Amino acid sequence: MPIRTAAPIGAIGNYWAARHRATPEEVALLQVLADSASIAMENIRRYEVLEQKTAAAEEANEMKSQFLSTVSHELRTPLNAIIGYTDLLIDGIYGRMTEEAQMPLKGVQRNAADLLRLIDNILNLARLESGNREVQTETVDLVPLLRELITDLRPLIEQKAIFLRLNVSSALLTLESDEGKIRQIFINLLANAIKFTKNGEISVTARAVPEKGGAEISIRDTGIGISEAALRKIFEPFYQTNGSNTREFGGVGLGLTIVKQLLTLLRGSIRAESEVGKGSTLTVFLPCR
């Protein structure tokens, strides 16, 4: 009995002690066995092909991550020098400058900061995709950290009619978590809110949530808003709400993906609410430990 009628790969035979003509039932049974053997052998072949393709994909992914990491590090070095010297010029270290003379330098400062955030996101994505999911636990004072980030990002709103404020229910909000990852989460969220808000207000509200054993931080803006359909996709890699927004506001759609993945590592969560034309609110929950 052939195993697989088209392009046979083997055969099954049955031998009796005495001369015997196989009955239709016995032939049918042999056919079932042959078909089962054919399916099993085909599954083995497909599994081997799948293993080979998986190994090749993993190798390609590892090479991509290494490439992204190397290129990102190489870009950071000259970029940090550009940012550093620009800051020194604006601060008047090499001589006092008028406000008018500072304007183009502040443009360099803003764009360099945008590029640095993009590089950081690429590095983070490369680390996460390569399996580097280490969490370095330390005591994090959330309120001073948020104040510092808001101060650092103020140059981004100088050319906009935006008021950025921080509301806290308590000056003491401490977590046992990874400060570097928390910093990256809120840099992305704040920069995103600033990017998509032309005027109005961005408010950051932080409060303890003892019943959940953590802290809740909401970032509310009066920006362009997000449609209900887009809300379901905003945490997907490289997702942009639409092409016109990409051209007008820039970005590659990595920020919220990084935020979501980092929060998963920290056992936190994020939810988004929005209304087109009125703004968005993104609320982060971080456990105390």
Protein backbone atom coordinates (compact mmCIF):
# COMPACT_ATOMS: atom_id res chain seq x y z
CA MET A 1 0.00 0.00 0.00
CA PRO A 2 1.72 3.26 -1.10
CA ILE A 3 2.22 6.06 1.40
CA ARG A 4 0.81 9.03 -0.51
CA THR A 5 -0.58 8.20 -3.93
CA ALA A 6 0.94 11.27 -5.60
CA ALA A 7 4.76 11.14 -5.46
CA PRO A 8 4.87 8.13 -3.07
CA ILE A 9 7.47 8.29 -0.30
CA GLY A 10 7.14 4.71 0.93
CA ALA A 11 4.82 1.74 1.25
CA ILE A 12 3.09 -0.35 3.90
CA GLY A 13 2.78 -4.11 3.47
CA ASN A 14 1.06 -6.82 5.50
CA TYR A 15 2.00 -10.49 5.45
CA TRP A 16 -0.16 -13.44 6.51
CA ALA A 17 1.15 -16.83 7.66
CA ALA A 18 -1.04 -18.58 5.08
CA ARG A 19 -2.04 -17.66 1.56
CA HIS A 20 -4.72 -14.99 1.87
CA ARG A 21 -6.49 -12.45 -0.31
CA ALA A 22 -7.01 -9.20 1.58
CA THR A 23 -10.62 -8.27 2.15
CA PRO A 24 -11.90 -4.76 1.31
CA GLU A 25 -12.00 -4.01 5.05
CA GLU A 26 -8.33 -5.00 5.48
CA VAL A 27 -7.34 -2.91 2.46
CA ALA A 28 -9.24 0.04 3.92
CA LEU A 29 -7.43 -0.40 7.25
CA LEU A 30 -4.05 -0.47 5.49
CA GLN A 31 -5.04 2.67 3.59
CA VAL A 32 -5.86 4.43 6.88
CA LEU A 33 -2.44 3.43 8.25
CA ALA A 34 -0.73 4.60 5.06
CA ASP A 35 -2.58 7.93 5.15
CA SER A 36 -1.69 8.43 8.82
CA ALA A 37 1.97 7.69 8.10
CA SER A 38 1.88 10.11 5.18
CA ILE A 39 0.44 12.88 7.36
CA ALA A 40 2.99 12.22 10.11
CA MET A 41 5.93 12.29 7.68
CA GLU A 42 4.63 15.46 6.02
CA ASN A 43 4.27 17.11 9.45
CA ILE A 44 7.87 16.19 10.26
CA ARG A 45 9.03 17.73 6.97
CA ARG A 46 7.06 20.91 7.56
CA TYR A 47 8.32 21.15 11.14
CA GLU A 48 11.92 20.92 9.92
CA VAL A 49 11.27 23.64 7.33
CA LEU A 50 9.63 25.79 10.02
CA GLU A 51 12.59 25.28 12.36
CA GLN A 52 14.99 26.37 9.62
CA LYS A 53 12.94 29.46 8.79
CA THR A 54 12.57 30.35 12.49
CA ALA A 55 16.33 30.06 13.02
CA ALA A 56 16.96 32.23 9.95
CA ALA A 57 14.44 34.83 11.13
CA GLU A 58 15.97 34.92 14.62
CA GLU A 59 19.44 35.36 13.14
CA ALA A 60 18.22 38.15 10.87
CA ASN A 61 16.45 39.83 13.80
CA GLU A 62 19.60 39.61 15.92
CA MET A 63 21.68 41.13 13.10
CA LYS A 64 19.12 43.91 12.68
CA SER A 65 19.15 44.66 16.42
CA GLN A 66 22.95 44.75 16.49
CA PHE A 67 22.99 47.05 13.47
CA LEU A 68 20.41 49.41 14.98
CA SER A 69 22.29 49.48 18.28
CA THR A 70 25.64 50.21 16.60
CA VAL A 71 24.26 52.92 14.32
CA SER A 72 22.32 54.53 17.17
CA HIS A 73 25.41 54.69 19.39
CA GLU A 74 27.44 56.16 16.52
CA LEU A 75 24.77 58.84 15.98
CA ARG A 76 24.52 59.73 19.67
CA THR A 77 28.16 60.77 20.01
CA PRO A 78 28.16 63.68 17.50
CA LEU A 79 24.58 64.57 18.40
CA ASN A 80 25.44 64.99 22.08
CA ALA A 81 28.29 67.29 21.05
CA ILE A 82 25.90 69.37 18.92
CA ILE A 83 23.43 69.67 21.80
CA GLY A 84 26.18 70.48 24.31
CA TYR A 85 27.79 73.25 22.25
CA THR A 86 24.39 74.68 21.32
CA ASP A 87 23.48 74.90 25.01
CA LEU A 88 26.79 76.65 25.75
CA LEU A 89 26.16 79.19 22.98
CA ILE A 90 22.62 79.92 24.19
CA ASP A 91 23.85 80.26 27.78
CA GLY A 92 26.38 82.89 26.66
CA ILE A 93 29.51 80.96 27.58
CA TYR A 94 31.25 82.19 24.40
CA GLY A 95 29.78 85.68 24.59
CA ARG A 96 26.40 87.24 25.18
CA MET A 97 23.84 86.75 22.41
CA THR A 98 20.69 88.69 21.64
CA GLU A 99 17.31 86.95 21.67
CA GLU A 100 17.18 87.26 17.88
CA ALA A 101 20.58 85.58 17.53
CA GLN A 102 19.48 82.78 19.86
CA MET A 103 16.40 81.89 17.81
CA PRO A 104 18.13 79.70 15.18
CA LEU A 105 20.21 78.03 17.90
CA LYS A 106 17.04 77.16 19.80
CA GLY A 107 15.73 75.61 16.59
CA VAL A 108 18.87 73.46 16.44
CA GLN A 109 18.35 72.60 20.11
CA ARG A 110 14.75 71.48 19.56
CA ASN A 111 15.47 69.41 16.47
CA ALA A 112 18.54 67.80 18.03
CA ALA A 113 16.44 66.84 21.06
CA ASP A 114 13.82 65.29 18.74
CA LEU A 115 16.52 63.30 16.96
CA LEU A 116 18.03 62.17 20.26
CA ARG A 117 14.64 60.86 21.41
CA LEU A 118 14.22 58.99 18.13
CA ILE A 119 17.66 57.40 18.57
CA ASP A 120 16.81 56.44 22.16
CA ASN A 121 13.60 54.80 20.94
CA ILE A 122 15.48 52.84 18.27
CA LEU A 123 17.97 51.69 20.91
CA ASN A 124 15.17 50.68 23.26
CA LEU A 125 13.38 48.76 20.52
CA ALA A 126 16.62 46.97 19.58
CA ARG A 127 17.22 46.00 23.21
CA LEU A 128 13.68 44.74 23.71
CA GLU A 129 13.65 42.75 20.47
CA SER A 130 17.01 41.17 21.30
CA GLY A 131 15.56 39.87 24.58
CA ASN A 132 17.21 42.40 26.90
CA ARG A 133 14.39 42.84 29.40
CA GLU A 134 16.38 43.44 32.57
CA VAL A 135 14.75 45.68 35.19
CA GLN A 136 17.06 47.55 37.56
CA THR A 137 15.07 48.18 40.71
CA GLU A 138 15.77 51.28 42.81
CA THR A 139 13.82 53.86 44.79
CA VAL A 140 12.24 56.35 42.39
CA ASP A 141 10.90 59.72 43.61
CA LEU A 142 8.22 60.26 41.02
CA VAL A 143 7.36 63.95 41.58
CA PRO A 144 10.92 65.35 41.31
CA LEU A 145 11.45 63.14 38.26
CA LEU A 146 8.34 64.52 36.53
CA ARG A 147 9.35 68.10 37.40
CA GLU A 148 12.79 67.51 35.91
CA LEU A 149 11.36 66.07 32.69
CA ILE A 150 8.90 68.95 32.30
CA THR A 151 11.77 71.44 32.74
CA ASP A 152 13.92 69.58 30.20
CA LEU A 153 11.11 69.60 27.63
CA ARG A 154 10.20 73.28 27.97
CA PRO A 155 12.33 74.28 24.94
CA LEU A 156 9.90 72.26 22.81
CA ILE A 157 6.96 74.49 23.75
CA GLU A 158 8.68 77.88 23.52
CA GLN A 159 7.42 78.39 19.96
CA LYS A 160 3.88 77.27 20.86
CA ALA A 161 1.06 78.83 22.86
CA ILE A 162 1.03 75.94 25.33
CA PHE A 163 0.87 76.01 29.11
CA LEU A 164 2.47 72.94 30.70
CA ARG A 165 1.73 72.22 34.34
CA LEU A 166 2.13 69.51 36.96
CA ASN A 167 -0.58 68.65 39.50
CA VAL A 168 0.32 66.33 42.38
CA SER A 169 -1.80 65.10 45.26
CA SER A 170 1.30 64.43 47.36
CA ALA A 171 4.92 65.54 47.21
CA LEU A 172 5.91 62.01 48.20
CA LEU A 173 5.22 59.42 45.53
CA THR A 174 7.94 56.79 45.68
CA LEU A 175 8.21 53.54 43.77
CA GLU A 176 10.60 50.62 43.79
CA SER A 177 11.13 50.45 40.05
CA ASP A 178 13.51 51.18 37.16
CA GLU A 179 14.08 54.94 36.96
CA GLY A 180 15.67 54.81 33.51
CA LYS A 181 12.66 53.05 32.01
CA ILE A 182 10.18 55.34 33.82
CA ARG A 183 12.10 58.34 32.50
CA GLN A 184 11.89 56.98 28.94
CA ILE A 185 8.14 56.33 29.32
CA PHE A 186 7.32 59.89 30.32
CA ILE A 187 9.76 61.55 27.91
CA ASN A 188 7.88 59.82 25.09
CA LEU A 189 4.42 60.62 26.45
CA LEU A 190 5.20 64.28 27.14
CA ALA A 191 6.99 64.79 23.81
CA ASN A 192 4.02 63.20 22.04
CA ALA A 193 1.56 65.51 23.80
CA ILE A 194 3.67 68.56 22.93
CA LYS A 195 4.06 67.45 19.31
CA PHE A 196 0.32 67.12 18.66
CA THR A 197 -0.78 70.20 20.63
CA LYS A 198 -0.54 73.54 18.84
CA ASN A 199 -2.06 75.64 21.59
CA GLY A 200 -3.88 75.29 24.89
CA GLU A 201 -2.71 73.22 27.82
CA ILE A 202 -0.91 70.04 28.76
CA SER A 203 -1.48 68.95 32.33
CA VAL A 204 0.33 66.15 34.14
CA THR A 205 -1.52 64.78 37.18
CA ALA A 206 0.13 62.33 39.55
CA ARG A 207 -1.59 60.66 42.47
CA ALA A 208 -1.16 57.68 44.75
CA VAL A 209 -3.61 54.81 44.27
CA PRO A 210 -3.22 52.81 47.50
CA GLU A 211 -6.10 50.45 46.70
CA LYS A 212 -4.16 49.31 43.63
CA GLY A 213 -0.77 49.46 45.30
CA GLY A 214 0.77 52.04 43.02
CA ALA A 215 0.62 55.46 41.40
CA GLU A 216 -1.41 56.84 38.51
CA ILE A 217 -0.09 59.53 36.20
CA SER A 218 -2.34 61.17 33.60
CA ILE A 219 -1.15 63.38 30.75
CA ARG A 220 -3.99 65.41 29.27
CA ASP A 221 -3.59 67.68 26.25
CA THR A 222 -5.79 69.92 24.12
CA GLY A 223 -4.27 68.68 20.88
CA ILE A 224 -5.70 67.28 17.66
CA GLY A 225 -7.10 64.15 19.30
CA ILE A 226 -7.32 60.59 18.02
CA SER A 227 -10.23 58.82 16.35
CA GLU A 228 -11.86 55.83 18.03
CA ALA A 229 -10.58 53.50 15.29
CA ALA A 230 -7.01 54.78 15.63
CA LEU A 231 -7.08 54.44 19.43
CA ARG A 232 -7.04 50.66 19.04
CA LYS A 233 -3.82 50.81 17.02
CA ILE A 234 -1.71 53.59 18.55
CA PHE A 235 0.51 51.17 20.49
CA GLU A 236 1.41 49.16 17.38
CA PRO A 237 4.94 49.66 15.98
CA PHE A 238 5.29 52.41 13.35
CA TYR A 239 1.58 53.22 13.43
CA GLN A 240 0.62 56.77 12.45
CA THR A 241 -2.95 58.03 12.63
CA ASN A 242 -2.76 59.16 9.00
CA GLY A 243 -0.27 60.26 6.39
CA SER A 244 -0.97 63.99 6.68
CA ASN A 245 -0.18 63.91 10.41
CA THR A 246 3.10 62.14 9.70
CA ARG A 247 4.14 64.90 7.29
CA GLU A 248 2.97 67.74 9.53
CA PHE A 249 4.15 66.50 12.91
CA GLY A 250 6.98 64.12 12.01
CA GLY A 251 7.93 60.97 13.89
CA VAL A 252 8.03 57.31 12.91
CA GLY A 253 5.42 55.86 15.27
CA LEU A 254 7.73 54.20 17.79
CA GLY A 255 7.17 56.26 20.95
CA LEU A 256 3.94 54.68 22.19
CA THR A 257 5.13 51.20 21.23
CA ILE A 258 8.19 51.69 23.46
CA VAL A 259 5.97 53.05 26.25
CA LYS A 260 3.69 50.00 26.11
CA GLN A 261 6.58 47.51 26.11
CA LEU A 262 8.43 49.25 28.94
CA LEU A 263 5.26 49.37 31.05
CA THR A 264 4.73 45.66 30.48
CA LEU A 265 8.26 45.06 31.82
CA LEU A 266 7.48 47.16 34.90
CA ARG A 267 4.11 45.37 35.42
CA GLY A 268 2.33 48.64 34.72
CA SER A 269 -0.39 49.59 32.27
CA ILE A 270 -1.63 52.43 30.08
CA ARG A 271 -5.03 53.45 28.78
CA ALA A 272 -5.92 56.12 26.25
CA GLU A 273 -8.99 58.32 25.88
CA SER A 274 -9.43 60.88 23.14
CA GLU A 275 -11.82 62.98 21.13
CA VAL A 276 -10.91 64.31 17.70
CA GLY A 277 -10.34 68.07 17.80
CA LYS A 278 -10.47 68.26 21.60
CA GLY A 279 -7.44 66.37 22.84
CA SER A 280 -6.27 63.17 24.48
CA THR A 281 -5.62 61.76 27.92
CA LEU A 282 -3.13 58.94 28.48
CA THR A 283 -3.13 57.42 31.95
CA VAL A 284 -0.25 55.31 33.23
CA PHE A 285 -0.37 53.01 36.25
CA LEU A 286 2.89 52.02 37.94
CA PRO A 287 3.03 49.55 40.84
CA CYS A 288 4.87 50.61 44.00
CA ARG A 289 7.11 47.54 43.80
